[in-house]
N, C-alpha and C. Protein backbone atom coordinates (compact mmCIF):
# COMPACT_ATOMS: atom_id res chain seq x y z
N VAL A 1 53.80 -7.19 -122.99
CA VAL A 1 54.90 -6.97 -123.83
C VAL A 1 54.64 -7.43 -125.45
N THR A 2 53.97 -8.53 -125.55
CA THR A 2 53.58 -9.12 -126.90
C THR A 2 52.19 -8.77 -127.30
N GLY A 3 51.66 -7.88 -126.49
CA GLY A 3 50.24 -7.40 -126.88
C GLY A 3 49.97 -6.92 -128.24
N GLY A 4 50.93 -5.96 -128.59
CA GLY A 4 50.84 -5.27 -129.79
C GLY A 4 51.04 -6.42 -131.17
N VAL A 5 51.81 -7.31 -130.98
CA VAL A 5 52.23 -8.22 -131.98
C VAL A 5 50.86 -9.20 -132.02
N ILE A 6 50.17 -9.52 -130.92
CA ILE A 6 49.13 -10.51 -131.03
C ILE A 6 47.88 -9.73 -131.53
N THR A 7 47.75 -8.53 -131.05
CA THR A 7 46.56 -7.82 -131.66
C THR A 7 46.72 -7.57 -133.40
N SER A 8 47.87 -7.16 -133.62
CA SER A 8 47.96 -7.02 -135.09
C SER A 8 48.09 -8.03 -135.91
N ALA A 9 48.35 -9.33 -135.36
CA ALA A 9 48.23 -10.57 -135.91
C ALA A 9 46.86 -11.01 -136.11
N GLY A 10 46.07 -10.76 -135.03
CA GLY A 10 44.59 -11.14 -135.19
C GLY A 10 43.96 -10.10 -136.02
N VAL A 11 44.26 -8.92 -136.09
CA VAL A 11 43.55 -8.01 -137.19
C VAL A 11 43.94 -8.27 -138.54
N VAL A 12 45.21 -8.70 -138.71
CA VAL A 12 45.48 -9.16 -140.13
C VAL A 12 44.87 -10.39 -140.51
N LEU A 13 44.79 -11.32 -139.54
CA LEU A 13 44.06 -12.72 -140.05
C LEU A 13 42.36 -12.32 -140.12
N ALA A 14 42.06 -11.53 -139.51
CA ALA A 14 40.53 -11.27 -139.50
C ALA A 14 40.33 -10.39 -140.84
N ALA A 15 41.35 -9.58 -141.23
CA ALA A 15 41.22 -8.96 -142.46
C ALA A 15 41.36 -9.78 -143.84
N THR A 16 42.22 -10.80 -143.58
CA THR A 16 42.54 -11.86 -144.61
C THR A 16 41.06 -12.59 -144.75
N PHE A 17 40.32 -13.05 -143.70
CA PHE A 17 39.08 -13.79 -143.86
C PHE A 17 38.12 -12.63 -144.29
N GLY A 18 38.09 -11.60 -144.08
CA GLY A 18 37.32 -10.73 -144.62
C GLY A 18 37.30 -10.34 -145.84
N ALA A 19 38.52 -10.56 -146.69
CA ALA A 19 38.63 -10.73 -148.17
C ALA A 19 37.79 -11.61 -148.66
N LEU A 20 37.63 -12.78 -147.98
CA LEU A 20 36.81 -13.83 -148.62
C LEU A 20 35.33 -13.40 -148.63
N SER A 21 34.93 -12.54 -147.90
CA SER A 21 33.56 -12.20 -147.76
C SER A 21 33.01 -11.44 -149.13
N VAL A 22 33.85 -10.91 -149.90
CA VAL A 22 33.56 -10.42 -151.08
C VAL A 22 33.39 -11.21 -152.44
N LEU A 23 33.65 -12.63 -152.03
CA LEU A 23 33.40 -13.52 -153.12
C LEU A 23 31.87 -13.76 -153.43
N PRO A 24 31.43 -14.33 -154.68
CA PRO A 24 30.02 -14.46 -154.88
C PRO A 24 29.63 -15.61 -154.33
N LEU A 25 30.25 -16.56 -153.62
CA LEU A 25 30.02 -17.80 -153.15
C LEU A 25 29.33 -17.60 -151.72
N VAL A 26 28.10 -17.96 -151.48
CA VAL A 26 27.47 -17.77 -150.18
C VAL A 26 28.29 -18.57 -149.10
N PRO A 27 28.59 -19.88 -149.41
CA PRO A 27 29.18 -20.48 -148.32
C PRO A 27 30.57 -19.94 -147.71
N SER A 28 31.36 -19.30 -148.74
CA SER A 28 32.55 -18.70 -148.55
C SER A 28 32.41 -17.45 -147.74
N VAL A 29 31.33 -16.64 -148.06
CA VAL A 29 30.92 -15.51 -147.44
C VAL A 29 30.78 -15.79 -145.89
N GLN A 30 29.92 -16.90 -145.75
CA GLN A 30 29.43 -17.19 -144.41
C GLN A 30 30.69 -17.63 -143.36
N THR A 31 31.36 -18.37 -144.01
CA THR A 31 32.69 -19.02 -143.51
C THR A 31 33.51 -17.80 -143.14
N ALA A 32 33.77 -16.78 -144.06
CA ALA A 32 34.67 -15.72 -143.86
C ALA A 32 33.98 -14.96 -142.60
N VAL A 33 32.90 -14.69 -142.56
CA VAL A 33 32.28 -13.89 -141.46
C VAL A 33 32.38 -14.52 -140.11
N ILE A 34 32.12 -15.76 -140.13
CA ILE A 34 32.08 -16.41 -138.81
C ILE A 34 33.60 -16.46 -138.35
N ILE A 35 34.57 -16.88 -139.28
CA ILE A 35 35.95 -16.96 -138.86
C ILE A 35 36.56 -15.70 -138.34
N GLY A 36 36.17 -14.66 -139.23
CA GLY A 36 36.64 -13.23 -138.92
C GLY A 36 36.37 -12.78 -137.63
N VAL A 37 34.82 -12.95 -137.20
CA VAL A 37 34.34 -12.51 -135.82
C VAL A 37 34.91 -13.34 -134.81
N GLY A 38 35.19 -14.73 -135.05
CA GLY A 38 35.74 -15.55 -134.27
C GLY A 38 37.28 -15.08 -133.87
N VAL A 39 38.06 -14.73 -134.97
CA VAL A 39 39.48 -14.40 -134.65
C VAL A 39 39.42 -12.96 -133.97
N LEU A 40 38.56 -12.11 -134.21
CA LEU A 40 38.56 -10.75 -133.51
C LEU A 40 38.02 -11.00 -132.05
N LEU A 41 37.11 -11.91 -131.73
CA LEU A 41 36.78 -12.00 -130.28
C LEU A 41 37.90 -12.73 -129.77
N ASP A 42 38.65 -13.54 -130.26
CA ASP A 42 39.85 -14.31 -129.82
C ASP A 42 40.94 -13.22 -129.46
N THR A 43 41.16 -12.33 -130.38
CA THR A 43 42.15 -11.38 -130.13
C THR A 43 42.04 -10.35 -129.01
N PHE A 44 40.70 -9.84 -129.06
CA PHE A 44 40.53 -8.76 -128.08
C PHE A 44 39.90 -9.20 -126.93
N LEU A 45 39.13 -10.20 -126.71
CA LEU A 45 38.49 -10.73 -125.51
C LEU A 45 39.36 -11.78 -124.88
N VAL A 46 39.51 -12.82 -125.59
CA VAL A 46 40.40 -13.97 -124.96
C VAL A 46 41.74 -13.69 -124.47
N ARG A 47 42.67 -13.38 -125.50
CA ARG A 47 43.93 -13.16 -125.45
C ARG A 47 44.31 -11.78 -124.69
N SER A 48 43.49 -10.85 -124.63
CA SER A 48 43.76 -9.61 -123.74
C SER A 48 43.30 -9.68 -122.55
N LEU A 49 42.09 -10.23 -122.22
CA LEU A 49 41.51 -10.18 -120.91
C LEU A 49 41.48 -11.46 -120.26
N LEU A 50 41.03 -12.55 -120.88
CA LEU A 50 40.82 -13.60 -120.12
C LEU A 50 42.06 -14.53 -119.83
N VAL A 51 42.99 -14.60 -120.62
CA VAL A 51 44.13 -15.40 -120.44
C VAL A 51 45.08 -14.69 -119.34
N PRO A 52 45.32 -13.30 -119.39
CA PRO A 52 46.05 -12.62 -118.34
C PRO A 52 45.30 -12.80 -117.01
N ALA A 53 44.05 -12.62 -117.00
CA ALA A 53 43.14 -12.84 -115.70
C ALA A 53 43.19 -14.23 -115.09
N LEU A 54 43.27 -15.23 -116.09
CA LEU A 54 43.42 -16.66 -115.71
C LEU A 54 44.74 -16.91 -114.98
N ALA A 55 45.78 -16.30 -115.58
CA ALA A 55 47.31 -16.49 -115.34
C ALA A 55 47.42 -15.82 -113.89
N LEU A 56 46.77 -14.68 -113.71
CA LEU A 56 47.01 -13.96 -112.50
C LEU A 56 46.29 -14.91 -111.37
N HIS A 57 45.23 -15.48 -111.67
CA HIS A 57 44.40 -16.29 -110.62
C HIS A 57 44.88 -17.69 -110.20
N VAL A 58 45.52 -18.30 -111.50
CA VAL A 58 46.13 -19.55 -111.23
C VAL A 58 47.69 -19.40 -110.45
N GLY A 59 48.33 -18.22 -110.72
CA GLY A 59 49.53 -18.22 -110.04
C GLY A 59 50.69 -18.87 -110.70
N ARG A 60 51.62 -19.66 -110.12
CA ARG A 60 52.83 -20.11 -110.42
C ARG A 60 52.30 -21.37 -111.25
N ARG A 61 51.11 -22.13 -110.97
CA ARG A 61 50.81 -23.19 -111.61
C ARG A 61 50.54 -22.90 -113.12
N THR A 62 50.49 -21.74 -113.63
CA THR A 62 50.22 -21.48 -114.83
C THR A 62 51.41 -22.17 -115.79
N TRP A 63 52.65 -22.16 -115.13
CA TRP A 63 53.84 -22.71 -116.04
C TRP A 63 54.00 -24.22 -115.84
N TRP A 64 53.01 -24.97 -115.29
CA TRP A 64 52.98 -26.33 -115.11
C TRP A 64 53.14 -27.09 -116.56
N PRO A 65 54.01 -27.73 -116.87
CA PRO A 65 54.96 -28.75 -115.93
C PRO A 65 56.31 -28.25 -115.82
N SER A 66 56.59 -27.10 -116.14
CA SER A 66 57.95 -26.43 -116.02
C SER A 66 58.29 -26.26 -114.49
N ALA A 67 59.67 -26.04 -114.27
CA ALA A 67 60.29 -25.81 -113.11
C ALA A 67 59.74 -24.51 -112.51
N LEU A 68 59.17 -23.62 -113.16
CA LEU A 68 58.48 -22.48 -112.75
C LEU A 68 57.43 -22.79 -111.89
N ALA A 69 56.67 -23.80 -112.08
CA ALA A 69 55.36 -24.00 -111.39
C ALA A 69 55.79 -24.75 -110.01
N ARG A 70 56.98 -25.08 -109.84
CA ARG A 70 57.11 -25.55 -108.42
C ARG A 70 57.28 -24.42 -107.37
N PRO A 71 56.79 -24.51 -106.06
CA PRO A 71 56.82 -23.42 -105.06
C PRO A 71 58.30 -23.08 -104.92
N ALA A 72 58.33 -21.80 -104.62
CA ALA A 72 59.67 -21.24 -104.34
C ALA A 72 60.28 -21.77 -103.00
N PRO A 73 61.55 -22.09 -103.21
CA PRO A 73 61.99 -22.75 -102.03
C PRO A 73 62.11 -21.76 -100.71
N ARG A 74 61.93 -22.35 -99.65
CA ARG A 74 61.73 -21.48 -98.39
C ARG A 74 63.26 -21.44 -97.92
N PRO A 75 63.63 -20.17 -97.46
CA PRO A 75 64.89 -19.93 -96.89
C PRO A 75 65.17 -20.98 -95.64
N VAL A 76 66.22 -21.59 -95.58
CA VAL A 76 66.26 -22.46 -94.47
C VAL A 76 67.23 -21.50 -93.35
N ALA A 77 66.48 -21.56 -92.17
CA ALA A 77 67.13 -20.81 -91.11
C ALA A 77 68.67 -21.36 -90.53
N ALA A 78 69.53 -20.62 -90.18
CA ALA A 78 70.73 -21.12 -89.87
C ALA A 78 70.62 -21.64 -88.45
N PRO A 79 71.28 -22.80 -88.09
CA PRO A 79 70.96 -23.47 -86.57
C PRO A 79 71.56 -22.33 -85.55
N ALA A 80 70.79 -22.32 -84.46
CA ALA A 80 71.15 -21.58 -83.58
C ALA A 80 72.70 -22.00 -83.01
N VAL A 81 73.46 -20.99 -82.62
CA VAL A 81 74.61 -21.33 -82.13
C VAL A 81 74.73 -21.17 -80.55
N GLU A 82 75.06 -22.25 -79.89
CA GLU A 82 75.14 -22.19 -78.50
C GLU A 82 76.12 -21.42 -77.91
N ARG A 83 75.70 -20.48 -77.03
CA ARG A 83 76.85 -19.70 -76.31
C ARG A 83 77.12 -20.32 -75.09
N VAL A 84 78.57 -20.63 -74.90
CA VAL A 84 79.10 -21.26 -73.59
C VAL A 84 79.51 -20.08 -72.75
N PRO A 85 79.05 -19.92 -71.52
CA PRO A 85 79.61 -18.77 -70.70
C PRO A 85 80.97 -18.91 -70.49
N ALA A 86 81.72 -17.84 -70.47
CA ALA A 86 83.14 -17.62 -70.30
C ALA A 86 83.44 -17.70 -68.66
N VAL A 87 84.26 -18.75 -68.56
CA VAL A 87 84.85 -18.90 -67.25
C VAL A 87 85.89 -18.02 -66.75
N SER A 88 85.80 -17.31 -65.84
CA SER A 88 86.85 -16.29 -65.26
C SER A 88 87.61 -16.88 -64.09
């Protein structure tokens, strides 16, 4: 559901650092390229593929320490009712 927001935020952040790459200062260009590539990798690889795969693999423990991490309660079977034979 939030994939579009995360992707667009990552692209905007990478473009912001990409704007630094036109500065005439070499350290600024190097920093901008490294951070821009890192943000794009994080946006498209980590948050789109690895995090959902890890959440699927880990299961309910993903939500630790929330109550959602606790195992689902098992339904309790009703006690058996004894039938007393009718006396005729």
